[in-house]
């Protein structure tokens, strides 16, 4: 996780360093980074532990902006209201194909769901409920945090494998992760897709639920990536050429040189 923090801060440092070199910003640059849930996403933790951020308050400040899901970050990137977005495996291609952000690039991965021996988002049902297999979801209601997000894609994928389609065979509704426990216990929905370990590990919840399947069961390991527009990155690359002569602040950004690796493929660079 510390390595991931360094990747994000290195990218943030690039934004700040370019502004310092160009002289365009007299005040610390505000770098806007999205997040959805804690502890899955790191930006809010930066605010609690500012000592992990080099030169924060001097070169830059971090503005951690919460979104209900990663698809909403795509719109903010497109409108220029966000500098760095945390996108799921499902939101990243939508940003390119639908929002036409063809200069979007991955600058790091935040976490990978479903690696062997590690946590994967759980789809939970009540132990005393009527659902014992995926086919039993027919006619039922499932909760996901947001349409187009990772848990939504996992639900659609695994139900399709079992002959079910959303709207035709079952209903999917949006419920915030923090409200899923109450929604399930009150039997307003029949299944919840919980992608936050802190919520799914709640002892009072575990006592009455069981997992029907996981995101790994549906899709295998999947990544949440840290993304930035390459148009900005190109400007930073130009600024880096002046590092030793014109802008000592850029020494902070040296660690970012290799941070464009494709998640799961060490050493592979995006072009």
C-alpha atoms as a PDB file:
ATOM      1  CA  UNK A   1       0.000   0.000   0.000  1.00  0.00           C
ATOM      2  CA  UNK A   2       2.903   2.397   0.762  1.00  0.00           C
ATOM      3  CA  UNK A   3       4.219   1.772  -2.750  1.00  0.00           C
ATOM      4  CA  UNK A   4       0.794   2.660  -4.163  1.00  0.00           C
ATOM      5  CA  UNK A   5       0.673   5.843  -2.061  1.00  0.00           C
ATOM      6  CA  UNK A   6       4.040   6.850  -3.492  1.00  0.00           C
ATOM      7  CA  UNK A   7       2.713   6.305  -7.017  1.00  0.00           C
ATOM      8  CA  UNK A   8      -0.282   8.552  -6.434  1.00  0.00           C
ATOM      9  CA  UNK A   9       1.789  11.210  -4.723  1.00  0.00           C
ATOM     10  CA  UNK A  10       4.350  11.076  -7.511  1.00  0.00           C
ATOM     11  CA  UNK A  11       1.606  11.735 -10.055  1.00  0.00           C
ATOM     12  CA  UNK A  12       0.287  14.537  -7.868  1.00  0.00           C
ATOM     13  CA  UNK A  13       3.781  15.922  -7.629  1.00  0.00           C
ATOM     14  CA  UNK A  14       4.021  16.044 -11.404  1.00  0.00           C
ATOM     15  CA  UNK A  15       0.985  18.303 -11.526  1.00  0.00           C
ATOM     16  CA  UNK A  16       2.413  20.617  -8.901  1.00  0.00           C
ATOM     17  CA  UNK A  17       5.895  20.620 -10.383  1.00  0.00           C
ATOM     18  CA  UNK A  18       4.705  21.658 -13.818  1.00  0.00           C
ATOM     19  CA  UNK A  19       2.825  24.586 -12.343  1.00  0.00           C
ATOM     20  CA  UNK A  20       5.907  25.687 -10.419  1.00  0.00           C
ATOM     21  CA  UNK A  21       8.131  25.447 -13.466  1.00  0.00           C
ATOM     22  CA  UNK A  22       5.779  27.399 -15.673  1.00  0.00           C
ATOM     23  CA  UNK A  23       5.254  30.089 -13.071  1.00  0.00           C
ATOM     24  CA  UNK A  24       1.532  29.790 -13.672  1.00  0.00           C
ATOM     25  CA  UNK A  25       0.725  29.200 -10.004  1.00  0.00           C
ATOM     26  CA  UNK A  26       1.908  31.481  -7.208  1.00  0.00           C
ATOM     27  CA  UNK A  27      -0.024  29.489  -4.614  1.00  0.00           C
ATOM     28  CA  UNK A  28       0.157  25.724  -3.960  1.00  0.00           C
ATOM     29  CA  UNK A  29      -1.636  23.879  -6.724  1.00  0.00           C
ATOM     30  CA  UNK A  30      -4.865  22.110  -5.753  1.00  0.00           C
ATOM     31  CA  UNK A  31      -4.806  18.541  -7.092  1.00  0.00           C
ATOM     32  CA  UNK A  32      -8.285  17.001  -7.216  1.00  0.00           C
ATOM     33  CA  UNK A  33      -8.388  13.216  -6.731  1.00  0.00           C
ATOM     34  CA  UNK A  34     -11.516  11.066  -6.613  1.00  0.00           C
ATOM     35  CA  UNK A  35     -12.437   8.389  -4.096  1.00  0.00           C
ATOM     36  CA  UNK A  36     -15.463   6.186  -3.352  1.00  0.00           C
ATOM     37  CA  UNK A  37     -14.964   4.218  -0.126  1.00  0.00           C
ATOM     38  CA  UNK A  38     -12.560   3.797   2.777  1.00  0.00           C
ATOM     39  CA  UNK A  39     -10.366   1.790   3.205  1.00  0.00           C
ATOM     40  CA  UNK A  40     -10.477   0.752  -0.457  1.00  0.00           C
ATOM     41  CA  UNK A  41      -9.374   4.181  -1.650  1.00  0.00           C
ATOM     42  CA  UNK A  42      -6.317   5.980  -0.332  1.00  0.00           C
ATOM     43  CA  UNK A  43      -6.865   9.725  -0.969  1.00  0.00           C
ATOM     44  CA  UNK A  44      -8.903  10.380   2.219  1.00  0.00           C
ATOM     45  CA  UNK A  45      -6.137   8.732   4.232  1.00  0.00           C
ATOM     46  CA  UNK A  46      -3.704  11.325   2.892  1.00  0.00           C
ATOM     47  CA  UNK A  47      -5.723  13.976   4.701  1.00  0.00           C
ATOM     48  CA  UNK A  48      -5.419  12.069   7.990  1.00  0.00           C
ATOM     49  CA  UNK A  49      -1.713  11.339   7.526  1.00  0.00           C
ATOM     50  CA  UNK A  50      -0.302  14.413   5.739  1.00  0.00           C
ATOM     51  CA  UNK A  51       3.232  13.406   6.711  1.00  0.00           C
ATOM     52  CA  UNK A  52       3.224  10.822   3.898  1.00  0.00           C
ATOM     53  CA  UNK A  53       2.944  13.657   1.365  1.00  0.00           C
ATOM     54  CA  UNK A  54       6.200  15.387   0.477  1.00  0.00           C
ATOM     55  CA  UNK A  55       5.944  19.212   0.356  1.00  0.00           C
ATOM     56  CA  UNK A  56       2.189  19.234   0.835  1.00  0.00           C
ATOM     57  CA  UNK A  57       1.037  22.788   1.490  1.00  0.00           C
ATOM     58  CA  UNK A  58       4.105  24.138  -0.264  1.00  0.00           C
ATOM     59  CA  UNK A  59       4.058  22.815  -3.820  1.00  0.00           C
ATOM     60  CA  UNK A  60       0.502  21.477  -3.777  1.00  0.00           C
ATOM     61  CA  UNK A  61      -2.527  20.593  -1.720  1.00  0.00           C
ATOM     62  CA  UNK A  62      -4.731  17.524  -2.138  1.00  0.00           C
ATOM     63  CA  UNK A  63      -8.472  17.836  -2.586  1.00  0.00           C
ATOM     64  CA  UNK A  64      -9.977  14.362  -2.103  1.00  0.00           C
ATOM     65  CA  UNK A  65     -13.440  14.406  -3.682  1.00  0.00           C
ATOM     66  CA  UNK A  66     -15.942  11.647  -2.917  1.00  0.00           C
ATOM     67  CA  UNK A  67     -18.092  10.136  -5.656  1.00  0.00           C
ATOM     68  CA  UNK A  68     -20.824   7.490  -5.255  1.00  0.00           C
ATOM     69  CA  UNK A  69     -19.004   5.290  -7.777  1.00  0.00           C
ATOM     70  CA  UNK A  70     -16.191   5.377 -10.286  1.00  0.00           C
ATOM     71  CA  UNK A  71     -18.439   6.006 -13.349  1.00  0.00           C
ATOM     72  CA  UNK A  72     -19.195   9.489 -11.976  1.00  0.00           C
ATOM     73  CA  UNK A  73     -15.454  10.224 -11.943  1.00  0.00           C
ATOM     74  CA  UNK A  74     -15.427   9.821 -15.721  1.00  0.00           C
ATOM     75  CA  UNK A  75     -17.809  12.753 -16.167  1.00  0.00           C
ATOM     76  CA  UNK A  76     -15.724  14.874 -13.807  1.00  0.00           C
ATOM     77  CA  UNK A  77     -12.559  14.075 -15.762  1.00  0.00           C
ATOM     78  CA  UNK A  78     -14.253  14.965 -19.023  1.00  0.00           C
ATOM     79  CA  UNK A  79     -15.494  18.316 -17.685  1.00  0.00           C
ATOM     80  CA  UNK A  80     -12.109  19.232 -16.201  1.00  0.00           C
ATOM     81  CA  UNK A  81     -13.387  19.064 -12.626  1.00  0.00           C
ATOM     82  CA  UNK A  82     -10.973  16.277 -11.653  1.00  0.00           C
ATOM     83  CA  UNK A  83      -7.234  15.862 -12.125  1.00  0.00           C
ATOM     84  CA  UNK A  84      -6.692  12.231 -11.126  1.00  0.00           C
ATOM     85  CA  UNK A  85      -9.430   9.592 -11.071  1.00  0.00           C
ATOM     86  CA  UNK A  86      -9.615   6.180  -9.437  1.00  0.00           C
ATOM     87  CA  UNK A  87     -11.430   4.023 -11.971  1.00  0.00           C
ATOM     88  CA  UNK A  88     -12.543   0.413 -11.896  1.00  0.00           C
ATOM     89  CA  UNK A  89     -11.846  -2.021 -14.710  1.00  0.00           C
ATOM     90  CA  UNK A  90     -15.354  -1.212 -15.983  1.00  0.00           C
ATOM     91  CA  UNK A  91     -15.143   2.590 -15.837  1.00  0.00           C
ATOM     92  CA  UNK A  92     -11.788   2.965 -17.583  1.00  0.00           C
ATOM     93  CA  UNK A  93     -12.943   1.563 -20.953  1.00  0.00           C
ATOM     94  CA  UNK A  94     -16.213   3.513 -20.691  1.00  0.00           C
ATOM     95  CA  UNK A  95     -14.182   6.698 -20.313  1.00  0.00           C
ATOM     96  CA  UNK A  96     -12.410   5.978 -23.576  1.00  0.00           C
ATOM     97  CA  UNK A  97     -15.295   4.542 -25.592  1.00  0.00           C
ATOM     98  CA  UNK A  98     -18.244   6.615 -24.367  1.00  0.00           C
ATOM     99  CA  UNK A  99     -16.695   9.820 -23.002  1.00  0.00           C
ATOM    100  CA  UNK A 100     -14.087   9.858 -25.802  1.00  0.00           C
ATOM    101  CA  UNK A 101     -11.213  10.443 -23.366  1.00  0.00           C
ATOM    102  CA  UNK A 102      -8.812   8.780 -25.767  1.00  0.00           C
ATOM    103  CA  UNK A 103      -5.788  10.413 -24.127  1.00  0.00           C
ATOM    104  CA  UNK A 104      -6.544   8.772 -20.769  1.00  0.00           C
ATOM    105  CA  UNK A 105      -3.729   6.675 -19.353  1.00  0.00           C
ATOM    106  CA  UNK A 106      -3.174   4.440 -16.338  1.00  0.00           C
ATOM    107  CA  UNK A 107      -0.493   5.820 -14.028  1.00  0.00           C
ATOM    108  CA  UNK A 108      -0.785   3.110 -11.374  1.00  0.00           C
ATOM    109  CA  UNK A 109      -3.108   0.572  -9.784  1.00  0.00           C
ATOM    110  CA  UNK A 110      -4.666   1.120  -6.385  1.00  0.00           C
ATOM    111  CA  UNK A 111      -5.796  -2.396  -5.612  1.00  0.00           C
ATOM    112  CA  UNK A 112      -6.657  -5.646  -7.333  1.00  0.00           C
ATOM    113  CA  UNK A 113      -9.805  -7.457  -6.273  1.00  0.00           C
ATOM    114  CA  UNK A 114      -9.783 -11.225  -6.095  1.00  0.00           C
ATOM    115  CA  UNK A 115      -6.132 -12.163  -6.153  1.00  0.00           C
ATOM    116  CA  UNK A 116      -5.707 -15.745  -4.861  1.00  0.00           C
ATOM    117  CA  UNK A 117      -5.808 -15.821  -1.081  1.00  0.00           C
ATOM    118  CA  UNK A 118      -7.012 -12.222  -0.816  1.00  0.00           C
ATOM    119  CA  UNK A 119     -10.298 -10.385  -0.441  1.00  0.00           C
ATOM    120  CA  UNK A 120     -12.887 -10.188  -3.183  1.00  0.00           C
ATOM    121  CA  UNK A 121     -16.139  -8.208  -3.167  1.00  0.00           C
ATOM    122  CA  UNK A 122     -18.894 -10.380  -1.723  1.00  0.00           C
ATOM    123  CA  UNK A 123     -22.491 -10.771  -2.816  1.00  0.00           C
ATOM    124  CA  UNK A 124     -24.416 -11.564   0.351  1.00  0.00           C
ATOM    125  CA  UNK A 125     -27.848 -13.037   1.041  1.00  0.00           C
ATOM    126  CA  UNK A 126     -29.671 -13.757   4.283  1.00  0.00           C
ATOM    127  CA  UNK A 127     -28.991 -17.178   5.788  1.00  0.00           C
ATOM    128  CA  UNK A 128     -32.699 -17.723   6.422  1.00  0.00           C
ATOM    129  CA  UNK A 129     -33.744 -16.306   3.053  1.00  0.00           C
ATOM    130  CA  UNK A 130     -35.013 -18.118  -0.052  1.00  0.00           C
ATOM    131  CA  UNK A 131     -31.817 -17.758  -2.114  1.00  0.00           C
ATOM    132  CA  UNK A 132     -29.411 -20.697  -2.088  1.00  0.00           C
ATOM    133  CA  UNK A 133     -28.113 -20.526  -5.676  1.00  0.00           C
ATOM    134  CA  UNK A 134     -27.720 -17.874  -8.366  1.00  0.00           C
ATOM    135  CA  UNK A 135     -30.775 -19.114 -10.270  1.00  0.00           C
ATOM    136  CA  UNK A 136     -32.871 -18.231  -7.213  1.00  0.00           C
ATOM    137  CA  UNK A 137     -32.317 -14.528  -7.992  1.00  0.00           C
ATOM    138  CA  UNK A 138     -35.091 -14.732 -10.575  1.00  0.00           C
ATOM    139  CA  UNK A 139     -37.806 -12.313  -9.560  1.00  0.00           C
ATOM    140  CA  UNK A 140     -35.636 -10.858  -6.782  1.00  0.00           C
ATOM    141  CA  UNK A 141     -33.950  -7.499  -6.156  1.00  0.00           C
ATOM    142  CA  UNK A 142     -30.176  -7.005  -5.926  1.00  0.00           C
ATOM    143  CA  UNK A 143     -28.323  -3.935  -4.631  1.00  0.00           C
ATOM    144  CA  UNK A 144     -25.135  -2.519  -6.167  1.00  0.00           C
ATOM    145  CA  UNK A 145     -23.474   0.743  -5.181  1.00  0.00           C
ATOM    146  CA  UNK A 146     -23.694   2.258  -8.667  1.00  0.00           C
ATOM    147  CA  UNK A 147     -24.611   1.269 -12.203  1.00  0.00           C
ATOM    148  CA  UNK A 148     -21.580   0.569 -14.336  1.00  0.00           C
ATOM    149  CA  UNK A 149     -19.331  -0.021 -11.332  1.00  0.00           C
ATOM    150  CA  UNK A 150     -17.297  -3.111 -10.564  1.00  0.00           C
ATOM    151  CA  UNK A 151     -19.908  -4.941  -8.475  1.00  0.00           C
ATOM    152  CA  UNK A 152     -22.598  -4.140 -11.036  1.00  0.00           C
ATOM    153  CA  UNK A 153     -20.493  -5.663 -13.801  1.00  0.00           C
ATOM    154  CA  UNK A 154     -19.757  -8.733 -11.685  1.00  0.00           C
ATOM    155  CA  UNK A 155     -23.455  -9.245 -10.935  1.00  0.00           C
ATOM    156  CA  UNK A 156     -24.390  -8.936 -14.605  1.00  0.00           C
ATOM    157  CA  UNK A 157     -21.603 -11.281 -15.709  1.00  0.00           C
ATOM    158  CA  UNK A 158     -22.343 -14.128 -13.323  1.00  0.00           C
ATOM    159  CA  UNK A 159     -26.133 -13.959 -13.706  1.00  0.00           C
ATOM    160  CA  UNK A 160     -25.750 -14.030 -17.476  1.00  0.00           C
ATOM    161  CA  UNK A 161     -23.690 -17.213 -17.136  1.00  0.00           C
ATOM    162  CA  UNK A 162     -26.641 -18.714 -15.261  1.00  0.00           C
ATOM    163  CA  UNK A 163     -29.229 -17.652 -17.825  1.00  0.00           C
ATOM    164  CA  UNK A 164     -30.509 -14.536 -16.051  1.00  0.00           C
ATOM    165  CA  UNK A 165     -30.650 -10.974 -17.313  1.00  0.00           C
ATOM    166  CA  UNK A 166     -31.202  -7.815 -15.324  1.00  0.00           C
ATOM    167  CA  UNK A 167     -34.643  -6.195 -15.852  1.00  0.00           C
ATOM    168  CA  UNK A 168     -35.960  -9.311 -17.563  1.00  0.00           C
ATOM    169  CA  UNK A 169     -35.321 -11.746 -14.690  1.00  0.00           C
ATOM    170  CA  UNK A 170     -34.323  -9.649 -11.680  1.00  0.00           C
ATOM    171  CA  UNK A 171     -34.069  -6.019 -10.599  1.00  0.00           C
ATOM    172  CA  UNK A 172     -30.866  -4.161  -9.678  1.00  0.00           C
ATOM    173  CA  UNK A 173     -31.037  -1.004  -7.583  1.00  0.00           C
ATOM    174  CA  UNK A 174     -28.398   1.465  -6.426  1.00  0.00           C
ATOM    175  CA  UNK A 175     -27.667   1.526  -2.687  1.00  0.00           C
ATOM    176  CA  UNK A 176     -24.672   3.165  -1.011  1.00  0.00           C
ATOM    177  CA  UNK A 177     -22.251   0.670   0.536  1.00  0.00           C
ATOM    178  CA  UNK A 178     -22.904   2.172   3.964  1.00  0.00           C
ATOM    179  CA  UNK A 179     -26.644   1.493   3.657  1.00  0.00           C
ATOM    180  CA  UNK A 180     -26.497  -2.050   2.300  1.00  0.00           C
ATOM    181  CA  UNK A 181     -26.567  -3.780   5.669  1.00  0.00           C
ATOM    182  CA  UNK A 182     -29.796  -2.069   6.741  1.00  0.00           C
ATOM    183  CA  UNK A 183     -31.365  -2.524   3.320  1.00  0.00           C
ATOM    184  CA  UNK A 184     -30.712  -6.271   3.372  1.00  0.00           C
ATOM    185  CA  UNK A 185     -31.730  -6.827   7.007  1.00  0.00           C
ATOM    186  CA  UNK A 186     -34.975  -4.930   6.422  1.00  0.00           C
ATOM    187  CA  UNK A 187     -35.561  -7.208   3.426  1.00  0.00           C
ATOM    188  CA  UNK A 188     -35.888  -4.319   1.012  1.00  0.00           C
ATOM    189  CA  UNK A 189     -33.474  -6.204  -1.264  1.00  0.00           C
ATOM    190  CA  UNK A 190     -32.563  -9.881  -1.514  1.00  0.00           C
ATOM    191  CA  UNK A 191     -28.846  -9.575  -2.272  1.00  0.00           C
ATOM    192  CA  UNK A 192     -26.178  -6.912  -1.726  1.00  0.00           C
ATOM    193  CA  UNK A 193     -22.866  -6.519  -3.527  1.00  0.00           C
ATOM    194  CA  UNK A 194     -20.448  -5.336  -0.844  1.00  0.00           C
ATOM    195  CA  UNK A 195     -17.053  -4.264  -2.134  1.00  0.00           C
ATOM    196  CA  UNK A 196     -15.793  -2.744   1.123  1.00  0.00           C
ATOM    197  CA  UNK A 197     -14.103  -5.153   3.569  1.00  0.00           C
ATOM    198  CA  UNK A 198     -14.866  -2.929   6.561  1.00  0.00           C
ATOM    199  CA  UNK A 199     -18.595  -3.252   5.897  1.00  0.00           C
ATOM    200  CA  UNK A 200     -18.737  -6.895   4.866  1.00  0.00           C
ATOM    201  CA  UNK A 201     -16.695  -7.954   7.929  1.00  0.00           C
ATOM    202  CA  UNK A 202     -19.213  -6.437  10.366  1.00  0.00           C
ATOM    203  CA  UNK A 203     -19.807  -9.249  12.940  1.00  0.00           C
ATOM    204  CA  UNK A 204     -23.499  -8.446  13.325  1.00  0.00           C
ATOM    205  CA  UNK A 205     -23.907  -8.707   9.553  1.00  0.00           C
ATOM    206  CA  UNK A 206     -21.856 -11.908   9.233  1.00  0.00           C
ATOM    207  CA  UNK A 207     -24.046 -13.551  11.848  1.00  0.00           C
ATOM    208  CA  UNK A 208     -27.099 -13.429   9.574  1.00  0.00           C
ATOM    209  CA  UNK A 209     -25.726 -13.559   6.018  1.00  0.00           C
ATOM    210  CA  UNK A 210     -23.725 -15.853   3.798  1.00  0.00           C
ATOM    211  CA  UNK A 211     -21.903 -15.184   0.528  1.00  0.00           C
ATOM    212  CA  UNK A 212     -23.677 -16.379  -2.607  1.00  0.00           C
ATOM    213  CA  UNK A 213     -20.654 -15.596  -4.805  1.00  0.00           C
ATOM    214  CA  UNK A 214     -17.754 -13.155  -5.089  1.00  0.00           C
ATOM    215  CA  UNK A 215     -16.525 -10.788  -7.754  1.00  0.00           C
ATOM    216  CA  UNK A 216     -13.646 -13.190  -8.333  1.00  0.00           C
ATOM    217  CA  UNK A 217     -16.151 -15.953  -9.100  1.00  0.00           C
ATOM    218  CA  UNK A 218     -17.718 -13.756 -11.757  1.00  0.00           C
ATOM    219  CA  UNK A 219     -14.707 -12.082 -13.357  1.00  0.00           C
ATOM    220  CA  UNK A 220     -11.481 -13.329 -11.832  1.00  0.00           C
ATOM    221  CA  UNK A 221      -8.970 -10.756 -10.491  1.00  0.00           C
ATOM    222  CA  UNK A 222      -9.929  -7.194 -11.447  1.00  0.00           C
ATOM    223  CA  UNK A 223      -8.100  -3.902 -10.941  1.00  0.00           C
ATOM    224  CA  UNK A 224      -8.963  -0.440  -9.744  1.00  0.00           C
ATOM    225  CA  UNK A 225      -6.584   1.916 -11.500  1.00  0.00           C
ATOM    226  CA  UNK A 226      -5.316   5.458 -11.005  1.00  0.00           C
ATOM    227  CA  UNK A 227      -5.855   7.419 -14.204  1.00  0.00           C
ATOM    228  CA  UNK A 228      -4.854  10.769 -15.620  1.00  0.00           C
ATOM    229  CA  UNK A 229      -5.196  12.486 -18.988  1.00  0.00           C
ATOM    230  CA  UNK A 230      -2.097  12.016 -21.121  1.00  0.00           C
ATOM    231  CA  UNK A 231      -2.408  15.557 -22.454  1.00  0.00           C
ATOM    232  CA  UNK A 232      -1.294  16.718 -19.011  1.00  0.00           C
ATOM    233  CA  UNK A 233       1.364  14.026 -18.784  1.00  0.00           C
ATOM    234  CA  UNK A 234       2.979  15.235 -22.000  1.00  0.00           C
ATOM    235  CA  UNK A 235       3.397  18.688 -20.542  1.00  0.00           C
ATOM    236  CA  UNK A 236       5.027  17.164 -17.478  1.00  0.00           C
ATOM    237  CA  UNK A 237       7.417  15.217 -19.683  1.00  0.00           C
ATOM    238  CA  UNK A 238       8.528  18.460 -21.335  1.00  0.00           C
ATOM    239  CA  UNK A 239       8.956  20.099 -17.945  1.00  0.00           C
ATOM    240  CA  UNK A 240      11.071  17.155 -16.779  1.00  0.00           C
ATOM    241  CA  UNK A 241      13.680  17.975 -19.403  1.00  0.00           C
ATOM    242  CA  UNK A 242      14.376  21.185 -17.488  1.00  0.00           C
ATOM    243  CA  UNK A 243      14.532  19.490 -14.115  1.00  0.00           C
ATOM    244  CA  UNK A 244      18.241  19.877 -13.416  1.00  0.00           C
ATOM    245  CA  UNK A 245      18.464  23.448 -14.664  1.00  0.00           C
ATOM    246  CA  UNK A 246      15.268  25.350 -14.067  1.00  0.00           C
ATOM    247  CA  UNK A 247      13.085  23.587 -11.535  1.00  0.00           C
ATOM    248  CA  UNK A 248      14.554  21.928  -8.425  1.00  0.00           C
ATOM    249  CA  UNK A 249      11.003  21.029  -7.332  1.00  0.00           C
ATOM    250  CA  UNK A 250      10.897  18.370 -10.026  1.00  0.00           C
ATOM    251  CA  UNK A 251      13.381  16.265  -8.058  1.00  0.00           C
ATOM    252  CA  UNK A 252      10.326  15.194  -6.045  1.00  0.00           C
ATOM    253  CA  UNK A 253       8.841  13.637  -9.186  1.00  0.00           C
ATOM    254  CA  UNK A 254      11.716  11.334 -10.136  1.00  0.00           C
ATOM    255  CA  UNK A 255       9.947   8.341  -8.590  1.00  0.00           C
ATOM    256  CA  UNK A 256       7.114   8.756 -11.101  1.00  0.00           C
ATOM    257  CA  UNK A 257       9.203   7.892 -14.146  1.00  0.00           C
ATOM    258  CA  UNK A 258       8.159   4.247 -14.198  1.00  0.00           C
ATOM    259  CA  UNK A 259       4.663   4.536 -12.751  1.00  0.00           C
ATOM    260  CA  UNK A 260       2.771   3.866 -15.974  1.00  0.00           C
ATOM    261  CA  UNK A 261       2.914   0.107 -15.683  1.00  0.00           C
ATOM    262  CA  UNK A 262      -0.131  -1.875 -16.693  1.00  0.00           C
ATOM    263  CA  UNK A 263      -1.603  -3.501 -13.540  1.00  0.00           C
ATOM    264  CA  UNK A 264      -0.449  -7.105 -13.354  1.00  0.00           C
ATOM    265  CA  UNK A 265       2.306  -6.586 -15.929  1.00  0.00           C
ATOM    266  CA  UNK A 266       5.409  -5.271 -14.126  1.00  0.00           C
ATOM    267  CA  UNK A 267       7.651  -3.229 -16.336  1.00  0.00           C
ATOM    268  CA  UNK A 268       5.119  -2.855 -19.156  1.00  0.00           C
ATOM    269  CA  UNK A 269       4.662   0.760 -20.166  1.00  0.00           C
ATOM    270  CA  UNK A 270       1.765   2.462 -21.842  1.00  0.00           C
ATOM    271  CA  UNK A 271       2.547   4.470 -24.945  1.00  0.00           C
END
